[in-house]
């Protein structure tokens, strides 16, 4: 019985390792093959803007207009201008329909806002002042609506580092 217990533990550990590595591979694929789009940041309550070593982000494209008319999960369809700044076109429950020059960003609807999965930006301690004037959040997105926050950008579209 003791041997059987260790086999189950080993199988579970192996399964966890496979799932974890699969997640890393997917995120690396988004970073290398995804399209960089810039999302304009919307104002956040300044009293809660800085909490420790991270910044709470809010995006203009995720502002809710009518909570009753959208599903709890779905996709924000955006179109980018020549600078790469995204503008919300529509919200839809499924990945299709999608036009040639449009991109998907998956969302979940919370009690107070729409979450796209990139609402927190972590930075090194003591660097808050550098990021306070950020105007855009830079996301790498893939064709399936998955996105990864890759940095914050200033009004001149330069990455803040």
C-alpha atoms as a PDB file:
ATOM      1  CA  UNK A   1       0.000   0.000   0.000  1.00  0.00           C
ATOM      2  CA  UNK A   2       2.869   2.363   0.772  1.00  0.00           C
ATOM      3  CA  UNK A   3       4.370   1.769  -2.681  1.00  0.00           C
ATOM      4  CA  UNK A   4       1.009   2.516  -4.315  1.00  0.00           C
ATOM      5  CA  UNK A   5       0.816   5.849  -2.440  1.00  0.00           C
ATOM      6  CA  UNK A   6       4.217   6.954  -3.787  1.00  0.00           C
ATOM      7  CA  UNK A   7       3.229   5.989  -7.338  1.00  0.00           C
ATOM      8  CA  UNK A   8       0.096   8.176  -7.091  1.00  0.00           C
ATOM      9  CA  UNK A   9       2.147  11.064  -5.711  1.00  0.00           C
ATOM     10  CA  UNK A  10       4.685  10.684  -8.537  1.00  0.00           C
ATOM     11  CA  UNK A  11       1.953  10.579 -11.214  1.00  0.00           C
ATOM     12  CA  UNK A  12       0.286  13.687  -9.765  1.00  0.00           C
ATOM     13  CA  UNK A  13       3.603  15.505  -9.628  1.00  0.00           C
ATOM     14  CA  UNK A  14       4.364  14.537 -13.217  1.00  0.00           C
ATOM     15  CA  UNK A  15       0.896  15.700 -14.349  1.00  0.00           C
ATOM     16  CA  UNK A  16       1.364  19.020 -12.562  1.00  0.00           C
ATOM     17  CA  UNK A  17       4.753  19.502 -14.206  1.00  0.00           C
ATOM     18  CA  UNK A  18       3.316  18.767 -17.669  1.00  0.00           C
ATOM     19  CA  UNK A  19       0.440  21.244 -17.159  1.00  0.00           C
ATOM     20  CA  UNK A  20       2.779  23.925 -15.833  1.00  0.00           C
ATOM     21  CA  UNK A  21       5.199  23.541 -18.763  1.00  0.00           C
ATOM     22  CA  UNK A  22       2.298  23.571 -21.237  1.00  0.00           C
ATOM     23  CA  UNK A  23       1.193  26.918 -19.805  1.00  0.00           C
ATOM     24  CA  UNK A  24       4.708  28.321 -20.196  1.00  0.00           C
ATOM     25  CA  UNK A  25       4.926  27.115 -23.812  1.00  0.00           C
ATOM     26  CA  UNK A  26       1.581  28.799 -24.639  1.00  0.00           C
ATOM     27  CA  UNK A  27       2.672  32.109 -23.110  1.00  0.00           C
ATOM     28  CA  UNK A  28       6.027  31.979 -24.901  1.00  0.00           C
ATOM     29  CA  UNK A  29       4.156  31.421 -28.183  1.00  0.00           C
ATOM     30  CA  UNK A  30       2.022  34.512 -27.529  1.00  0.00           C
ATOM     31  CA  UNK A  31       5.152  36.555 -26.806  1.00  0.00           C
ATOM     32  CA  UNK A  32       6.979  35.422 -29.929  1.00  0.00           C
ATOM     33  CA  UNK A  33       4.119  35.180 -32.438  1.00  0.00           C
ATOM     34  CA  UNK A  34       1.528  37.589 -31.015  1.00  0.00           C
ATOM     35  CA  UNK A  35       0.784  41.105 -32.216  1.00  0.00           C
ATOM     36  CA  UNK A  36       1.672  44.055 -29.979  1.00  0.00           C
ATOM     37  CA  UNK A  37      -1.271  46.357 -29.423  1.00  0.00           C
ATOM     38  CA  UNK A  38      -1.466  49.383 -27.148  1.00  0.00           C
ATOM     39  CA  UNK A  39      -4.519  49.889 -24.962  1.00  0.00           C
ATOM     40  CA  UNK A  40      -5.247  53.343 -23.640  1.00  0.00           C
ATOM     41  CA  UNK A  41      -5.351  53.410 -19.872  1.00  0.00           C
ATOM     42  CA  UNK A  42      -8.455  54.802 -18.209  1.00  0.00           C
ATOM     43  CA  UNK A  43      -8.313  56.713 -14.936  1.00  0.00           C
ATOM     44  CA  UNK A  44      -8.205  54.728 -11.712  1.00  0.00           C
ATOM     45  CA  UNK A  45      -8.983  56.019  -8.238  1.00  0.00           C
ATOM     46  CA  UNK A  46      -5.652  57.672  -7.317  1.00  0.00           C
ATOM     47  CA  UNK A  47      -5.945  56.552  -3.708  1.00  0.00           C
ATOM     48  CA  UNK A  48      -5.669  52.928  -4.827  1.00  0.00           C
ATOM     49  CA  UNK A  49      -3.402  53.452  -7.857  1.00  0.00           C
ATOM     50  CA  UNK A  50      -0.239  52.486  -6.040  1.00  0.00           C
ATOM     51  CA  UNK A  51      -0.328  49.689  -3.511  1.00  0.00           C
ATOM     52  CA  UNK A  52       3.019  48.242  -2.707  1.00  0.00           C
ATOM     53  CA  UNK A  53       5.025  47.224  -5.756  1.00  0.00           C
ATOM     54  CA  UNK A  54       2.296  47.071  -8.341  1.00  0.00           C
ATOM     55  CA  UNK A  55      -0.069  49.338 -10.226  1.00  0.00           C
ATOM     56  CA  UNK A  56      -3.753  48.578 -10.761  1.00  0.00           C
ATOM     57  CA  UNK A  57      -4.614  49.128 -14.446  1.00  0.00           C
ATOM     58  CA  UNK A  58      -7.912  50.036 -16.029  1.00  0.00           C
ATOM     59  CA  UNK A  59      -8.374  50.195 -19.800  1.00  0.00           C
ATOM     60  CA  UNK A  60     -10.712  52.356 -21.864  1.00  0.00           C
ATOM     61  CA  UNK A  61     -11.727  49.366 -23.999  1.00  0.00           C
ATOM     62  CA  UNK A  62     -12.976  47.501 -20.926  1.00  0.00           C
ATOM     63  CA  UNK A  63     -15.311  50.222 -19.677  1.00  0.00           C
ATOM     64  CA  UNK A  64     -18.796  48.785 -19.428  1.00  0.00           C
ATOM     65  CA  UNK A  65     -21.640  50.557 -21.189  1.00  0.00           C
ATOM     66  CA  UNK A  66     -24.511  48.211 -20.520  1.00  0.00           C
ATOM     67  CA  UNK A  67     -23.925  45.332 -18.121  1.00  0.00           C
ATOM     68  CA  UNK A  68     -27.227  43.632 -18.868  1.00  0.00           C
ATOM     69  CA  UNK A  69     -26.538  43.234 -22.583  1.00  0.00           C
ATOM     70  CA  UNK A  70     -23.207  41.385 -22.422  1.00  0.00           C
ATOM     71  CA  UNK A  71     -22.357  37.870 -21.329  1.00  0.00           C
ATOM     72  CA  UNK A  72     -20.148  37.007 -18.346  1.00  0.00           C
ATOM     73  CA  UNK A  73     -17.409  35.750 -20.684  1.00  0.00           C
ATOM     74  CA  UNK A  74     -16.638  36.772 -24.211  1.00  0.00           C
ATOM     75  CA  UNK A  75     -14.370  38.765 -26.476  1.00  0.00           C
ATOM     76  CA  UNK A  76     -13.668  42.438 -26.994  1.00  0.00           C
ATOM     77  CA  UNK A  77     -12.998  43.046 -30.669  1.00  0.00           C
ATOM     78  CA  UNK A  78     -10.448  45.802 -31.287  1.00  0.00           C
ATOM     79  CA  UNK A  79      -8.940  47.467 -34.312  1.00  0.00           C
ATOM     80  CA  UNK A  80      -5.569  49.201 -34.254  1.00  0.00           C
ATOM     81  CA  UNK A  81      -4.622  52.461 -35.904  1.00  0.00           C
ATOM     82  CA  UNK A  82      -1.285  53.047 -37.656  1.00  0.00           C
ATOM     83  CA  UNK A  83       0.462  53.654 -34.298  1.00  0.00           C
ATOM     84  CA  UNK A  84      -0.818  50.340 -32.930  1.00  0.00           C
ATOM     85  CA  UNK A  85      -3.305  51.899 -30.497  1.00  0.00           C
ATOM     86  CA  UNK A  86      -6.408  49.754 -30.144  1.00  0.00           C
ATOM     87  CA  UNK A  87      -9.979  50.995 -30.314  1.00  0.00           C
ATOM     88  CA  UNK A  88     -12.942  48.879 -29.212  1.00  0.00           C
ATOM     89  CA  UNK A  89     -15.204  47.950 -32.112  1.00  0.00           C
ATOM     90  CA  UNK A  90     -17.678  45.617 -30.410  1.00  0.00           C
ATOM     91  CA  UNK A  91     -18.164  42.952 -27.778  1.00  0.00           C
ATOM     92  CA  UNK A  92     -19.160  39.446 -28.827  1.00  0.00           C
ATOM     93  CA  UNK A  93     -19.704  36.141 -27.021  1.00  0.00           C
ATOM     94  CA  UNK A  94     -17.690  33.986 -29.470  1.00  0.00           C
ATOM     95  CA  UNK A  95     -14.453  34.253 -31.457  1.00  0.00           C
ATOM     96  CA  UNK A  96     -16.270  34.732 -34.745  1.00  0.00           C
ATOM     97  CA  UNK A  97     -17.200  36.809 -36.703  1.00  0.00           C
ATOM     98  CA  UNK A  98     -13.891  38.604 -37.074  1.00  0.00           C
ATOM     99  CA  UNK A  99     -12.751  40.880 -39.912  1.00  0.00           C
ATOM    100  CA  UNK A 100      -9.205  40.891 -41.351  1.00  0.00           C
ATOM    101  CA  UNK A 101      -7.789  43.822 -39.405  1.00  0.00           C
ATOM    102  CA  UNK A 102      -9.485  43.067 -36.065  1.00  0.00           C
ATOM    103  CA  UNK A 103      -8.080  41.389 -32.950  1.00  0.00           C
ATOM    104  CA  UNK A 104      -9.727  39.549 -30.080  1.00  0.00           C
ATOM    105  CA  UNK A 105      -9.123  40.109 -26.382  1.00  0.00           C
ATOM    106  CA  UNK A 106     -10.849  37.670 -24.060  1.00  0.00           C
ATOM    107  CA  UNK A 107     -12.703  39.155 -21.086  1.00  0.00           C
ATOM    108  CA  UNK A 108     -14.568  38.047 -17.988  1.00  0.00           C
ATOM    109  CA  UNK A 109     -17.215  40.216 -16.428  1.00  0.00           C
ATOM    110  CA  UNK A 110     -16.733  40.995 -12.742  1.00  0.00           C
ATOM    111  CA  UNK A 111     -19.089  42.777 -10.386  1.00  0.00           C
ATOM    112  CA  UNK A 112     -17.673  46.213 -11.155  1.00  0.00           C
ATOM    113  CA  UNK A 113     -15.653  45.916 -14.345  1.00  0.00           C
ATOM    114  CA  UNK A 114     -14.564  43.837 -17.319  1.00  0.00           C
ATOM    115  CA  UNK A 115     -11.286  41.991 -16.743  1.00  0.00           C
ATOM    116  CA  UNK A 116      -8.957  41.150 -19.609  1.00  0.00           C
ATOM    117  CA  UNK A 117      -6.389  39.431 -17.404  1.00  0.00           C
ATOM    118  CA  UNK A 118      -3.818  42.220 -17.395  1.00  0.00           C
ATOM    119  CA  UNK A 119      -5.106  44.497 -14.643  1.00  0.00           C
ATOM    120  CA  UNK A 120      -1.944  44.545 -12.519  1.00  0.00           C
ATOM    121  CA  UNK A 121       1.534  45.706 -13.455  1.00  0.00           C
ATOM    122  CA  UNK A 122       4.323  44.725 -11.055  1.00  0.00           C
ATOM    123  CA  UNK A 123       7.524  46.722 -10.845  1.00  0.00           C
ATOM    124  CA  UNK A 124      10.655  47.029  -8.759  1.00  0.00           C
ATOM    125  CA  UNK A 125      10.302  48.719  -5.392  1.00  0.00           C
ATOM    126  CA  UNK A 126      10.873  52.477  -5.553  1.00  0.00           C
ATOM    127  CA  UNK A 127      10.029  52.753  -9.268  1.00  0.00           C
ATOM    128  CA  UNK A 128       6.406  53.909  -8.869  1.00  0.00           C
ATOM    129  CA  UNK A 129       7.087  57.501  -9.956  1.00  0.00           C
ATOM    130  CA  UNK A 130       8.448  56.317 -13.303  1.00  0.00           C
ATOM    131  CA  UNK A 131       5.211  54.467 -14.176  1.00  0.00           C
ATOM    132  CA  UNK A 132       2.690  57.007 -12.831  1.00  0.00           C
ATOM    133  CA  UNK A 133       2.483  58.848 -16.163  1.00  0.00           C
ATOM    134  CA  UNK A 134       1.902  55.751 -18.287  1.00  0.00           C
ATOM    135  CA  UNK A 135      -0.709  56.331 -20.974  1.00  0.00           C
ATOM    136  CA  UNK A 136      -0.866  52.900 -22.631  1.00  0.00           C
ATOM    137  CA  UNK A 137      -0.594  49.277 -21.648  1.00  0.00           C
ATOM    138  CA  UNK A 138       1.192  47.117 -24.216  1.00  0.00           C
ATOM    139  CA  UNK A 139      -0.308  43.659 -24.758  1.00  0.00           C
ATOM    140  CA  UNK A 140       0.821  40.823 -26.979  1.00  0.00           C
ATOM    141  CA  UNK A 141      -2.301  39.095 -28.329  1.00  0.00           C
ATOM    142  CA  UNK A 142      -2.775  35.927 -30.324  1.00  0.00           C
ATOM    143  CA  UNK A 143      -5.548  34.955 -32.716  1.00  0.00           C
ATOM    144  CA  UNK A 144      -7.525  33.201 -29.967  1.00  0.00           C
ATOM    145  CA  UNK A 145      -8.017  36.218 -27.705  1.00  0.00           C
ATOM    146  CA  UNK A 146      -5.232  35.384 -25.254  1.00  0.00           C
ATOM    147  CA  UNK A 147      -3.098  38.303 -24.148  1.00  0.00           C
ATOM    148  CA  UNK A 148      -0.030  39.053 -22.032  1.00  0.00           C
ATOM    149  CA  UNK A 149       0.877  42.454 -20.617  1.00  0.00           C
ATOM    150  CA  UNK A 150       4.413  43.236 -21.788  1.00  0.00           C
ATOM    151  CA  UNK A 151       4.871  46.758 -20.451  1.00  0.00           C
ATOM    152  CA  UNK A 152       3.605  50.286 -20.038  1.00  0.00           C
ATOM    153  CA  UNK A 153       4.104  52.989 -22.641  1.00  0.00           C
ATOM    154  CA  UNK A 154       4.214  56.790 -22.416  1.00  0.00           C
ATOM    155  CA  UNK A 155       2.363  59.348 -24.573  1.00  0.00           C
ATOM    156  CA  UNK A 156       5.171  59.150 -27.169  1.00  0.00           C
ATOM    157  CA  UNK A 157       4.554  55.381 -27.506  1.00  0.00           C
ATOM    158  CA  UNK A 158       7.919  54.508 -25.960  1.00  0.00           C
ATOM    159  CA  UNK A 159       8.108  51.627 -23.543  1.00  0.00           C
ATOM    160  CA  UNK A 160       8.815  52.785 -19.990  1.00  0.00           C
ATOM    161  CA  UNK A 161      11.832  50.924 -18.630  1.00  0.00           C
END
